[in-house]
PDB file of all heavy atoms in Angstrom:
ATOM      1  N   PHE A   1     -10.432   6.393 -25.839  1.00  0.00           N
ATOM      2  CA  PHE A   1     -10.248   7.338 -24.748  1.00  0.00           C
ATOM      3  C   PHE A   1      -8.808   7.858 -24.784  1.00  0.00           C
ATOM      4  O   PHE A   1      -7.858   7.085 -24.954  1.00  0.00           O
ATOM      5  CB  PHE A   1     -10.510   6.677 -23.403  1.00  0.00           C
ATOM      6  CG  PHE A   1     -11.966   6.456 -23.098  1.00  0.00           C
ATOM      7  CD1 PHE A   1     -12.452   5.186 -22.839  1.00  0.00           C
ATOM      8  CD2 PHE A   1     -12.852   7.527 -23.049  1.00  0.00           C
ATOM      9  CE1 PHE A   1     -13.794   4.976 -22.541  1.00  0.00           C
ATOM     10  CE2 PHE A   1     -14.203   7.332 -22.756  1.00  0.00           C
ATOM     11  CZ  PHE A   1     -14.665   6.048 -22.508  1.00  0.00           C
ATOM     12  N   VAL A   2      -8.667   9.167 -24.626  1.00  0.00           N
ATOM     13  CA  VAL A   2      -7.346   9.797 -24.571  1.00  0.00           C
ATOM     14  C   VAL A   2      -7.322  10.622 -23.291  1.00  0.00           C
ATOM     15  O   VAL A   2      -8.043  11.614 -23.165  1.00  0.00           O
ATOM     16  CB  VAL A   2      -7.095  10.696 -25.805  1.00  0.00           C
ATOM     17  CG1 VAL A   2      -5.653  11.189 -25.816  1.00  0.00           C
ATOM     18  CG2 VAL A   2      -7.408   9.952 -27.097  1.00  0.00           C
ATOM     19  N   SER A   3      -6.491  10.199 -22.321  1.00  0.00           N
ATOM     20  CA  SER A   3      -6.592  10.816 -20.994  1.00  0.00           C
ATOM     21  C   SER A   3      -5.230  10.974 -20.325  1.00  0.00           C
ATOM     22  O   SER A   3      -4.313  10.194 -20.568  1.00  0.00           O
ATOM     23  CB  SER A   3      -7.505   9.963 -20.108  1.00  0.00           C
ATOM     24  OG  SER A   3      -7.615  10.524 -18.814  1.00  0.00           O
ATOM     25  N   ARG A   4      -5.158  11.988 -19.456  1.00  0.00           N
ATOM     26  CA  ARG A   4      -3.977  12.158 -18.604  1.00  0.00           C
ATOM     27  C   ARG A   4      -4.089  11.305 -17.345  1.00  0.00           C
ATOM     28  O   ARG A   4      -3.125  11.145 -16.607  1.00  0.00           O
ATOM     29  CB  ARG A   4      -3.815  13.630 -18.199  1.00  0.00           C
ATOM     30  CG  ARG A   4      -3.600  14.578 -19.356  1.00  0.00           C
ATOM     31  CD  ARG A   4      -3.220  15.972 -18.885  1.00  0.00           C
ATOM     32  NE  ARG A   4      -3.225  16.905 -19.991  1.00  0.00           N
ATOM     33  CZ  ARG A   4      -2.240  17.018 -20.895  1.00  0.00           C
ATOM     34  NH1 ARG A   4      -1.185  16.241 -20.776  1.00  0.00           N
ATOM     35  NH2 ARG A   4      -2.329  17.894 -21.877  1.00  0.00           N
ATOM     36  N   HIS A   5      -5.277  10.774 -17.112  1.00  0.00           N
ATOM     37  CA  HIS A   5      -5.523  10.012 -15.890  1.00  0.00           C
ATOM     38  C   HIS A   5      -5.383   8.517 -16.166  1.00  0.00           C
ATOM     39  O   HIS A   5      -6.363   7.826 -16.454  1.00  0.00           O
ATOM     40  CB  HIS A   5      -6.913  10.342 -15.337  1.00  0.00           C
ATOM     41  CG  HIS A   5      -7.072  11.789 -14.970  1.00  0.00           C
ATOM     42  ND1 HIS A   5      -6.597  12.313 -13.785  1.00  0.00           N
ATOM     43  CD2 HIS A   5      -7.623  12.823 -15.657  1.00  0.00           C
ATOM     44  CE1 HIS A   5      -6.872  13.605 -13.737  1.00  0.00           C
ATOM     45  NE2 HIS A   5      -7.495  13.942 -14.866  1.00  0.00           N
ATOM     46  N   ASP A   6      -4.144   8.029 -16.054  1.00  0.00           N
ATOM     47  CA  ASP A   6      -3.874   6.624 -16.349  1.00  0.00           C
ATOM     48  C   ASP A   6      -4.695   5.693 -15.471  1.00  0.00           C
ATOM     49  O   ASP A   6      -5.060   4.586 -15.885  1.00  0.00           O
ATOM     50  CB  ASP A   6      -2.385   6.313 -16.141  1.00  0.00           C
ATOM     51  CG  ASP A   6      -1.478   7.150 -17.033  1.00  0.00           C
ATOM     52  OD1 ASP A   6      -2.005   7.994 -17.788  1.00  0.00           O
ATOM     53  OD2 ASP A   6      -0.249   6.953 -16.975  1.00  0.00           O
ATOM     54  N   GLU A   7      -5.010   6.152 -14.263  1.00  0.00           N
ATOM     55  CA  GLU A   7      -5.720   5.291 -13.315  1.00  0.00           C
ATOM     56  C   GLU A   7      -7.164   5.018 -13.739  1.00  0.00           C
ATOM     57  O   GLU A   7      -7.826   4.130 -13.198  1.00  0.00           O
ATOM     58  CB  GLU A   7      -5.706   5.921 -11.916  1.00  0.00           C
ATOM     59  CG  GLU A   7      -6.615   7.139 -11.733  1.00  0.00           C
ATOM     60  CD  GLU A   7      -6.015   8.456 -12.228  1.00  0.00           C
ATOM     61  OE1 GLU A   7      -4.904   8.419 -12.811  1.00  0.00           O
ATOM     62  OE2 GLU A   7      -6.654   9.508 -12.019  1.00  0.00           O
ATOM     63  N   LEU A   8      -7.654   5.741 -14.743  1.00  0.00           N
ATOM     64  CA  LEU A   8      -9.035   5.552 -15.184  1.00  0.00           C
ATOM     65  C   LEU A   8      -9.194   4.430 -16.207  1.00  0.00           C
ATOM     66  O   LEU A   8     -10.313   4.148 -16.640  1.00  0.00           O
ATOM     67  CB  LEU A   8      -9.583   6.858 -15.772  1.00  0.00           C
ATOM     68  CG  LEU A   8      -9.769   8.023 -14.792  1.00  0.00           C
ATOM     69  CD1 LEU A   8     -10.268   9.261 -15.527  1.00  0.00           C
ATOM     70  CD2 LEU A   8     -10.748   7.641 -13.690  1.00  0.00           C
ATOM     71  N   VAL A   9      -8.091   3.814 -16.580  1.00  0.00           N
ATOM     72  CA  VAL A   9      -8.165   2.773 -17.604  1.00  0.00           C
ATOM     73  C   VAL A   9      -9.123   1.659 -17.199  1.00  0.00           C
ATOM     74  O   VAL A   9      -9.895   1.151 -18.021  1.00  0.00           O
ATOM     75  CB  VAL A   9      -6.759   2.221 -17.935  1.00  0.00           C
ATOM     76  CG1 VAL A   9      -6.115   1.578 -16.726  1.00  0.00           C
ATOM     77  CG2 VAL A   9      -6.843   1.226 -19.096  1.00  0.00           C
ATOM     78  N   TYR A  10      -9.104   1.263 -15.919  1.00  0.00           N
ATOM     79  CA  TYR A  10      -9.968   0.170 -15.477  1.00  0.00           C
ATOM     80  C   TYR A  10     -11.433   0.608 -15.436  1.00  0.00           C
ATOM     81  O   TYR A  10     -12.333  -0.161 -15.786  1.00  0.00           O
ATOM     82  CB  TYR A  10      -9.514  -0.349 -14.116  1.00  0.00           C
ATOM     83  CG  TYR A  10      -8.118  -0.928 -14.161  1.00  0.00           C
ATOM     84  CD1 TYR A  10      -7.039  -0.269 -13.586  1.00  0.00           C
ATOM     85  CD2 TYR A  10      -7.874  -2.135 -14.826  1.00  0.00           C
ATOM     86  CE1 TYR A  10      -5.760  -0.785 -13.657  1.00  0.00           C
ATOM     87  CE2 TYR A  10      -6.594  -2.665 -14.896  1.00  0.00           C
ATOM     88  CZ  TYR A  10      -5.541  -1.986 -14.310  1.00  0.00           C
ATOM     89  OH  TYR A  10      -4.273  -2.496 -14.391  1.00  0.00           O
ATOM     90  N   SER A  11     -11.674   1.842 -15.036  1.00  0.00           N
ATOM     91  CA  SER A  11     -13.046   2.355 -15.020  1.00  0.00           C
ATOM     92  C   SER A  11     -13.615   2.455 -16.437  1.00  0.00           C
ATOM     93  O   SER A  11     -14.830   2.327 -16.639  1.00  0.00           O
ATOM     94  CB  SER A  11     -13.089   3.740 -14.365  1.00  0.00           C
ATOM     95  OG  SER A  11     -12.638   3.675 -13.027  1.00  0.00           O
ATOM     96  N   SER A  12     -12.733   2.665 -17.415  1.00  0.00           N
ATOM     97  CA  SER A  12     -13.194   2.835 -18.793  1.00  0.00           C
ATOM     98  C   SER A  12     -13.652   1.518 -19.427  1.00  0.00           C
ATOM     99  O   SER A  12     -14.380   1.532 -20.422  1.00  0.00           O
ATOM    100  CB  SER A  12     -12.072   3.434 -19.653  1.00  0.00           C
ATOM    101  OG  SER A  12     -11.062   2.468 -19.945  1.00  0.00           O
ATOM    102  N   LEU A  13     -13.245   0.396 -18.850  1.00  0.00           N
ATOM    103  CA  LEU A  13     -13.515  -0.891 -19.482  1.00  0.00           C
ATOM    104  C   LEU A  13     -15.004  -1.196 -19.615  1.00  0.00           C
ATOM    105  O   LEU A  13     -15.404  -1.945 -20.502  1.00  0.00           O
ATOM    106  CB  LEU A  13     -12.811  -2.019 -18.706  1.00  0.00           C
ATOM    107  CG  LEU A  13     -11.280  -1.979 -18.711  1.00  0.00           C
ATOM    108  CD1 LEU A  13     -10.728  -3.145 -17.902  1.00  0.00           C
ATOM    109  CD2 LEU A  13     -10.740  -2.018 -20.141  1.00  0.00           C
ATOM    110  N   ARG A  14     -15.817  -0.616 -18.744  1.00  0.00           N
ATOM    111  CA  ARG A  14     -17.257  -0.911 -18.821  1.00  0.00           C
ATOM    112  C   ARG A  14     -17.875  -0.356 -20.106  1.00  0.00           C
ATOM    113  O   ARG A  14     -18.977  -0.770 -20.505  1.00  0.00           O
ATOM    114  CB  ARG A  14     -17.983  -0.363 -17.601  1.00  0.00           C
ATOM    115  CG  ARG A  14     -18.070   1.155 -17.493  1.00  0.00           C
ATOM    116  CD  ARG A  14     -18.799   1.537 -16.207  1.00  0.00           C
ATOM    117  NE  ARG A  14     -19.055   2.947 -16.050  1.00  0.00           N
ATOM    118  CZ  ARG A  14     -18.213   3.814 -15.508  1.00  0.00           C
ATOM    119  NH1 ARG A  14     -17.031   3.381 -15.071  1.00  0.00           N
ATOM    120  NH2 ARG A  14     -18.531   5.094 -15.396  1.00  0.00           N
ATOM    121  N   PHE A  15     -17.171   0.557 -20.771  1.00  0.00           N
ATOM    122  CA  PHE A  15     -17.661   1.108 -22.034  1.00  0.00           C
ATOM    123  C   PHE A  15     -17.084   0.366 -23.242  1.00  0.00           C
ATOM    124  O   PHE A  15     -17.347   0.751 -24.373  1.00  0.00           O
ATOM    125  CB  PHE A  15     -17.309   2.599 -22.127  1.00  0.00           C
ATOM    126  CG  PHE A  15     -17.934   3.430 -21.041  1.00  0.00           C
ATOM    127  CD1 PHE A  15     -17.184   3.865 -19.962  1.00  0.00           C
ATOM    128  CD2 PHE A  15     -19.289   3.744 -21.087  1.00  0.00           C
ATOM    129  CE1 PHE A  15     -17.762   4.615 -18.949  1.00  0.00           C
ATOM    130  CE2 PHE A  15     -19.872   4.501 -20.081  1.00  0.00           C
ATOM    131  CZ  PHE A  15     -19.114   4.936 -19.008  1.00  0.00           C
ATOM    132  N   ARG A  16     -16.276  -0.666 -22.973  1.00  0.00           N
ATOM    133  CA  ARG A  16     -15.651  -1.464 -24.030  1.00  0.00           C
ATOM    134  C   ARG A  16     -14.957  -0.584 -25.070  1.00  0.00           C
ATOM    135  O   ARG A  16     -15.264  -0.634 -26.272  1.00  0.00           O
ATOM    136  CB  ARG A  16     -16.689  -2.365 -24.714  1.00  0.00           C
ATOM    137  CG  ARG A  16     -17.341  -3.357 -23.760  1.00  0.00           C
ATOM    138  CD  ARG A  16     -18.437  -4.148 -24.435  1.00  0.00           C
ATOM    139  NE  ARG A  16     -17.916  -4.982 -25.499  1.00  0.00           N
ATOM    140  CZ  ARG A  16     -17.408  -6.197 -25.338  1.00  0.00           C
ATOM    141  NH1 ARG A  16     -17.348  -6.712 -24.120  1.00  0.00           N
ATOM    142  NH2 ARG A  16     -16.969  -6.893 -26.352  1.00  0.00           N
ATOM    143  N   PRO A  17     -14.016   0.257 -24.624  1.00  0.00           N
ATOM    144  CA  PRO A  17     -13.359   1.165 -25.572  1.00  0.00           C
ATOM    145  C   PRO A  17     -12.503   0.408 -26.587  1.00  0.00           C
ATOM    146  O   PRO A  17     -11.978  -0.673 -26.293  1.00  0.00           O
ATOM    147  CB  PRO A  17     -12.482   2.036 -24.663  1.00  0.00           C
ATOM    148  CG  PRO A  17     -12.176   1.162 -23.490  1.00  0.00           C
ATOM    149  CD  PRO A  17     -13.443   0.371 -23.266  1.00  0.00           C
ATOM    150  N   PHE A  18     -12.368   0.982 -27.744  1.00  0.00           N
ATOM    151  CA  PHE A  18     -11.502   0.415 -28.774  1.00  0.00           C
ATOM    152  C   PHE A  18     -10.043   0.493 -28.317  1.00  0.00           C
ATOM    153  O   PHE A  18      -9.273  -0.431 -28.526  1.00  0.00           O
ATOM    154  CB  PHE A  18     -11.700   1.175 -30.088  1.00  0.00           C
ATOM    155  CG  PHE A  18     -10.992   0.578 -31.264  1.00  0.00           C
ATOM    156  CD1 PHE A  18     -11.539  -0.500 -31.943  1.00  0.00           C
ATOM    157  CD2 PHE A  18      -9.777   1.100 -31.698  1.00  0.00           C
ATOM    158  CE1 PHE A  18     -10.884  -1.057 -33.034  1.00  0.00           C
ATOM    159  CE2 PHE A  18      -9.119   0.549 -32.779  1.00  0.00           C
ATOM    160  CZ  PHE A  18      -9.671  -0.539 -33.450  1.00  0.00           C
ATOM    161  N   ARG A  19      -9.690   1.607 -27.698  1.00  0.00           N
ATOM    162  CA  ARG A  19      -8.360   1.792 -27.135  1.00  0.00           C
ATOM    163  C   ARG A  19      -8.419   2.797 -25.982  1.00  0.00           C
ATOM    164  O   ARG A  19      -9.340   3.626 -25.915  1.00  0.00           O
ATOM    165  CB  ARG A  19      -7.340   2.312 -28.177  1.00  0.00           C
ATOM    166  CG  ARG A  19      -6.933   1.313 -29.250  1.00  0.00           C
ATOM    167  CD  ARG A  19      -6.141   0.158 -28.687  1.00  0.00           C
ATOM    168  NE  ARG A  19      -5.631  -0.709 -29.728  1.00  0.00           N
ATOM    169  CZ  ARG A  19      -6.305  -1.697 -30.302  1.00  0.00           C
ATOM    170  NH1 ARG A  19      -7.564  -1.913 -29.941  1.00  0.00           N
ATOM    171  NH2 ARG A  19      -5.748  -2.462 -31.216  1.00  0.00           N
ATOM    172  N   PHE A  20      -7.429   2.723 -25.099  1.00  0.00           N
ATOM    173  CA  PHE A  20      -7.200   3.731 -24.071  1.00  0.00           C
ATOM    174  C   PHE A  20      -5.780   4.245 -24.293  1.00  0.00           C
ATOM    175  O   PHE A  20      -4.811   3.485 -24.160  1.00  0.00           O
ATOM    176  CB  PHE A  20      -7.342   3.130 -22.669  1.00  0.00           C
ATOM    177  CG  PHE A  20      -7.280   4.155 -21.554  1.00  0.00           C
ATOM    178  CD1 PHE A  20      -8.432   4.581 -20.919  1.00  0.00           C
ATOM    179  CD2 PHE A  20      -6.061   4.689 -21.142  1.00  0.00           C
ATOM    180  CE1 PHE A  20      -8.383   5.523 -19.889  1.00  0.00           C
ATOM    181  CE2 PHE A  20      -5.996   5.624 -20.122  1.00  0.00           C
ATOM    182  CZ  PHE A  20      -7.170   6.047 -19.498  1.00  0.00           C
ATOM    183  N   ILE A  21      -5.666   5.516 -24.649  1.00  0.00           N
ATOM    184  CA  ILE A  21      -4.366   6.109 -24.973  1.00  0.00           C
ATOM    185  C   ILE A  21      -3.998   7.113 -23.893  1.00  0.00           C
ATOM    186  O   ILE A  21      -4.792   8.006 -23.564  1.00  0.00           O
ATOM    187  CB  ILE A  21      -4.410   6.811 -26.347  1.00  0.00           C
ATOM    188  CG1 ILE A  21      -4.827   5.818 -27.449  1.00  0.00           C
ATOM    189  CG2 ILE A  21      -3.059   7.437 -26.683  1.00  0.00           C
ATOM    190  CD1 ILE A  21      -5.114   6.477 -28.785  1.00  0.00           C
ATOM    191  N   ARG A  22      -2.806   6.954 -23.367  1.00  0.00           N
ATOM    192  CA  ARG A  22      -2.338   7.895 -22.352  1.00  0.00           C
ATOM    193  C   ARG A  22      -1.775   9.150 -23.024  1.00  0.00           C
ATOM    194  O   ARG A  22      -0.931   9.044 -23.911  1.00  0.00           O
ATOM    195  CB  ARG A  22      -1.275   7.235 -21.469  1.00  0.00           C
ATOM    196  CG  ARG A  22      -1.816   6.075 -20.633  1.00  0.00           C
ATOM    197  CD  ARG A  22      -0.717   5.304 -19.962  1.00  0.00           C
ATOM    198  NE  ARG A  22       0.062   4.540 -20.934  1.00  0.00           N
ATOM    199  CZ  ARG A  22       1.106   3.767 -20.623  1.00  0.00           C
ATOM    200  NH1 ARG A  22       1.498   3.680 -19.362  1.00  0.00           N
ATOM    201  NH2 ARG A  22       1.737   3.105 -21.562  1.00  0.00           N
ATOM    202  N   LYS A  23      -2.216  10.303 -22.586  1.00  0.00           N
ATOM    203  CA  LYS A  23      -1.706  11.536 -23.187  1.00  0.00           C
ATOM    204  C   LYS A  23      -0.197  11.672 -22.992  1.00  0.00           C
ATOM    205  O   LYS A  23       0.496  12.212 -23.857  1.00  0.00           O
ATOM    206  CB  LYS A  23      -2.418  12.754 -22.591  1.00  0.00           C
ATOM    207  CG  LYS A  23      -3.858  12.906 -23.066  1.00  0.00           C
ATOM    208  CD  LYS A  23      -4.462  14.225 -22.576  1.00  0.00           C
ATOM    209  CE  LYS A  23      -5.862  14.414 -23.140  1.00  0.00           C
ATOM    210  NZ  LYS A  23      -6.473  15.708 -22.735  1.00  0.00           N
ATOM    211  N   SER A  24       0.289  11.150 -21.893  1.00  0.00           N
ATOM    212  CA  SER A  24       1.725  11.234 -21.620  1.00  0.00           C
ATOM    213  C   SER A  24       2.538  10.336 -22.553  1.00  0.00           C
ATOM    214  O   SER A  24       3.758  10.498 -22.660  1.00  0.00           O
ATOM    215  CB  SER A  24       2.005  10.837 -20.165  1.00  0.00           C
ATOM    216  OG  SER A  24       1.567   9.505 -19.917  1.00  0.00           O
ATOM    217  N   ARG A  25       1.866   9.371 -23.218  1.00  0.00           N
ATOM    218  CA  ARG A  25       2.559   8.452 -24.130  1.00  0.00           C
ATOM    219  C   ARG A  25       1.917   8.496 -25.516  1.00  0.00           C
ATOM    220  O   ARG A  25       1.939   7.512 -26.249  1.00  0.00           O
ATOM    221  CB  ARG A  25       2.482   7.020 -23.575  1.00  0.00           C
ATOM    222  CG  ARG A  25       2.970   6.864 -22.138  1.00  0.00           C
ATOM    223  CD  ARG A  25       4.471   7.016 -22.011  1.00  0.00           C
ATOM    224  NE  ARG A  25       5.150   5.885 -22.616  1.00  0.00           N
ATOM    225  CZ  ARG A  25       5.396   4.727 -21.999  1.00  0.00           C
ATOM    226  NH1 ARG A  25       4.952   4.534 -20.753  1.00  0.00           N
ATOM    227  NH2 ARG A  25       6.054   3.770 -22.601  1.00  0.00           N
ATOM    228  N   LEU A  26       1.361   9.640 -25.865  1.00  0.00           N
ATOM    229  CA  LEU A  26       0.565   9.768 -27.078  1.00  0.00           C
ATOM    230  C   LEU A  26       1.310   9.308 -28.331  1.00  0.00           C
ATOM    231  O   LEU A  26       0.809   8.498 -29.115  1.00  0.00           O
ATOM    232  CB  LEU A  26       0.100  11.220 -27.256  1.00  0.00           C
ATOM    233  CG  LEU A  26      -0.704  11.513 -28.536  1.00  0.00           C
ATOM    234  CD1 LEU A  26      -2.035  10.776 -28.506  1.00  0.00           C
ATOM    235  CD2 LEU A  26      -0.919  13.014 -28.699  1.00  0.00           C
ATOM    236  N   GLU A  27       2.508   9.832 -28.530  1.00  0.00           N
ATOM    237  CA  GLU A  27       3.231   9.532 -29.768  1.00  0.00           C
ATOM    238  C   GLU A  27       3.711   8.088 -29.817  1.00  0.00           C
ATOM    239  O   GLU A  27       3.998   7.576 -30.903  1.00  0.00           O
ATOM    240  CB  GLU A  27       4.389  10.517 -29.949  1.00  0.00           C
ATOM    241  CG  GLU A  27       3.894  11.952 -30.128  1.00  0.00           C
ATOM    242  CD  GLU A  27       5.015  12.916 -30.468  1.00  0.00           C
ATOM    243  OE1 GLU A  27       6.077  12.462 -30.903  1.00  0.00           O
ATOM    244  OE2 GLU A  27       4.809  14.136 -30.295  1.00  0.00           O
ATOM    245  N   GLU A  28       3.792   7.428 -28.670  1.00  0.00           N
ATOM    246  CA  GLU A  28       4.180   6.018 -28.642  1.00  0.00           C
ATOM    247  C   GLU A  28       2.983   5.112 -28.891  1.00  0.00           C
ATOM    248  O   GLU A  28       3.094   4.083 -29.572  1.00  0.00           O
ATOM    249  CB  GLU A  28       4.807   5.657 -27.288  1.00  0.00           C
ATOM    250  CG  GLU A  28       6.088   6.406 -26.964  1.00  0.00           C
ATOM    251  CD  GLU A  28       6.527   6.143 -25.541  1.00  0.00           C
ATOM    252  OE1 GLU A  28       6.557   4.962 -25.144  1.00  0.00           O
ATOM    253  OE2 GLU A  28       6.819   7.112 -24.808  1.00  0.00           O
ATOM    254  N   GLU A  29       1.826   5.451 -28.330  1.00  0.00           N
ATOM    255  CA  GLU A  29       0.669   4.566 -28.361  1.00  0.00           C
ATOM    256  C   GLU A  29      -0.293   4.818 -29.519  1.00  0.00           C
ATOM    257  O   GLU A  29      -1.053   3.918 -29.909  1.00  0.00           O
ATOM    258  CB  GLU A  29      -0.080   4.658 -27.032  1.00  0.00           C
ATOM    259  CG  GLU A  29       0.756   4.196 -25.850  1.00  0.00           C
ATOM    260  CD  GLU A  29       0.056   4.336 -24.515  1.00  0.00           C
ATOM    261  OE1 GLU A  29      -1.061   4.882 -24.477  1.00  0.00           O
ATOM    262  OE2 GLU A  29       0.635   3.907 -23.494  1.00  0.00           O
ATOM    263  N   LEU A  30      -0.257   6.021 -30.082  1.00  0.00           N
ATOM    264  CA  LEU A  30      -1.193   6.346 -31.159  1.00  0.00           C
ATOM    265  C   LEU A  30      -0.981   5.511 -32.429  1.00  0.00           C
ATOM    266  O   LEU A  30      -1.972   5.072 -33.024  1.00  0.00           O
ATOM    267  CB  LEU A  30      -1.115   7.841 -31.483  1.00  0.00           C
ATOM    268  CG  LEU A  30      -2.108   8.338 -32.536  1.00  0.00           C
ATOM    269  CD1 LEU A  30      -3.546   8.132 -32.073  1.00  0.00           C
ATOM    270  CD2 LEU A  30      -1.855   9.826 -32.845  1.00  0.00           C
ATOM    271  N   PRO A  31       0.259   5.286 -32.883  1.00  0.00           N
ATOM    272  CA  PRO A  31       0.430   4.532 -34.144  1.00  0.00           C
ATOM    273  C   PRO A  31      -0.247   3.166 -34.145  1.00  0.00           C
ATOM    274  O   PRO A  31      -0.906   2.798 -35.125  1.00  0.00           O
ATOM    275  CB  PRO A  31       1.954   4.406 -34.271  1.00  0.00           C
ATOM    276  CG  PRO A  31       2.479   5.610 -33.560  1.00  0.00           C
ATOM    277  CD  PRO A  31       1.557   5.792 -32.387  1.00  0.00           C
ATOM    278  N   GLU A  32      -0.101   2.398 -33.075  1.00  0.00           N
ATOM    279  CA  GLU A  32      -0.742   1.075 -33.025  1.00  0.00           C
ATOM    280  C   GLU A  32      -2.257   1.217 -33.064  1.00  0.00           C
ATOM    281  O   GLU A  32      -2.956   0.410 -33.710  1.00  0.00           O
ATOM    282  CB  GLU A  32      -0.312   0.335 -31.752  1.00  0.00           C
ATOM    283  CG  GLU A  32      -0.812  -1.113 -31.675  1.00  0.00           C
ATOM    284  CD  GLU A  32      -2.243  -1.228 -31.178  1.00  0.00           C
ATOM    285  OE1 GLU A  32      -2.676  -0.351 -30.384  1.00  0.00           O
ATOM    286  OE2 GLU A  32      -2.932  -2.184 -31.581  1.00  0.00           O
ATOM    287  N   SER A  33      -2.779   2.228 -32.379  1.00  0.00           N
ATOM    288  CA  SER A  33      -4.219   2.452 -32.375  1.00  0.00           C
ATOM    289  C   SER A  33      -4.722   2.792 -33.777  1.00  0.00           C
ATOM    290  O   SER A  33      -5.788   2.332 -34.198  1.00  0.00           O
ATOM    291  CB  SER A  33      -4.579   3.590 -31.412  1.00  0.00           C
ATOM    292  OG  SER A  33      -4.213   3.264 -30.083  1.00  0.00           O
ATOM    293  N   LEU A  34      -3.962   3.586 -34.519  1.00  0.00           N
ATOM    294  CA  LEU A  34      -4.352   3.939 -35.888  1.00  0.00           C
ATOM    295  C   LEU A  34      -4.260   2.733 -36.815  1.00  0.00           C
ATOM    296  O   LEU A  34      -5.100   2.572 -37.715  1.00  0.00           O
ATOM    297  CB  LEU A  34      -3.480   5.080 -36.407  1.00  0.00           C
ATOM    298  CG  LEU A  34      -3.639   6.424 -35.692  1.00  0.00           C
ATOM    299  CD1 LEU A  34      -2.716   7.470 -36.299  1.00  0.00           C
ATOM    300  CD2 LEU A  34      -5.091   6.905 -35.750  1.00  0.00           C
ATOM    301  N   ASP A  35      -3.250   1.882 -36.608  1.00  0.00           N
ATOM    302  CA  ASP A  35      -3.159   0.646 -37.394  1.00  0.00           C
ATOM    303  C   ASP A  35      -4.427  -0.184 -37.212  1.00  0.00           C
ATOM    304  O   ASP A  35      -5.033  -0.641 -38.181  1.00  0.00           O
ATOM    305  CB  ASP A  35      -1.947  -0.183 -36.956  1.00  0.00           C
ATOM    306  CG  ASP A  35      -0.639   0.344 -37.500  1.00  0.00           C
ATOM    307  OD1 ASP A  35      -0.677   1.091 -38.508  1.00  0.00           O
ATOM    308  OD2 ASP A  35       0.414   0.027 -36.926  1.00  0.00           O
TER     309      ASP A  35
END
């Protein structure tokens, strides 16, 4: 999930996402997700 709505991270858990990436922190969080 890639979202501007940080508050949705908990709602997303029911889908067992591989990662939740904040659009506001994209360049910081994307590298670990790609690894």
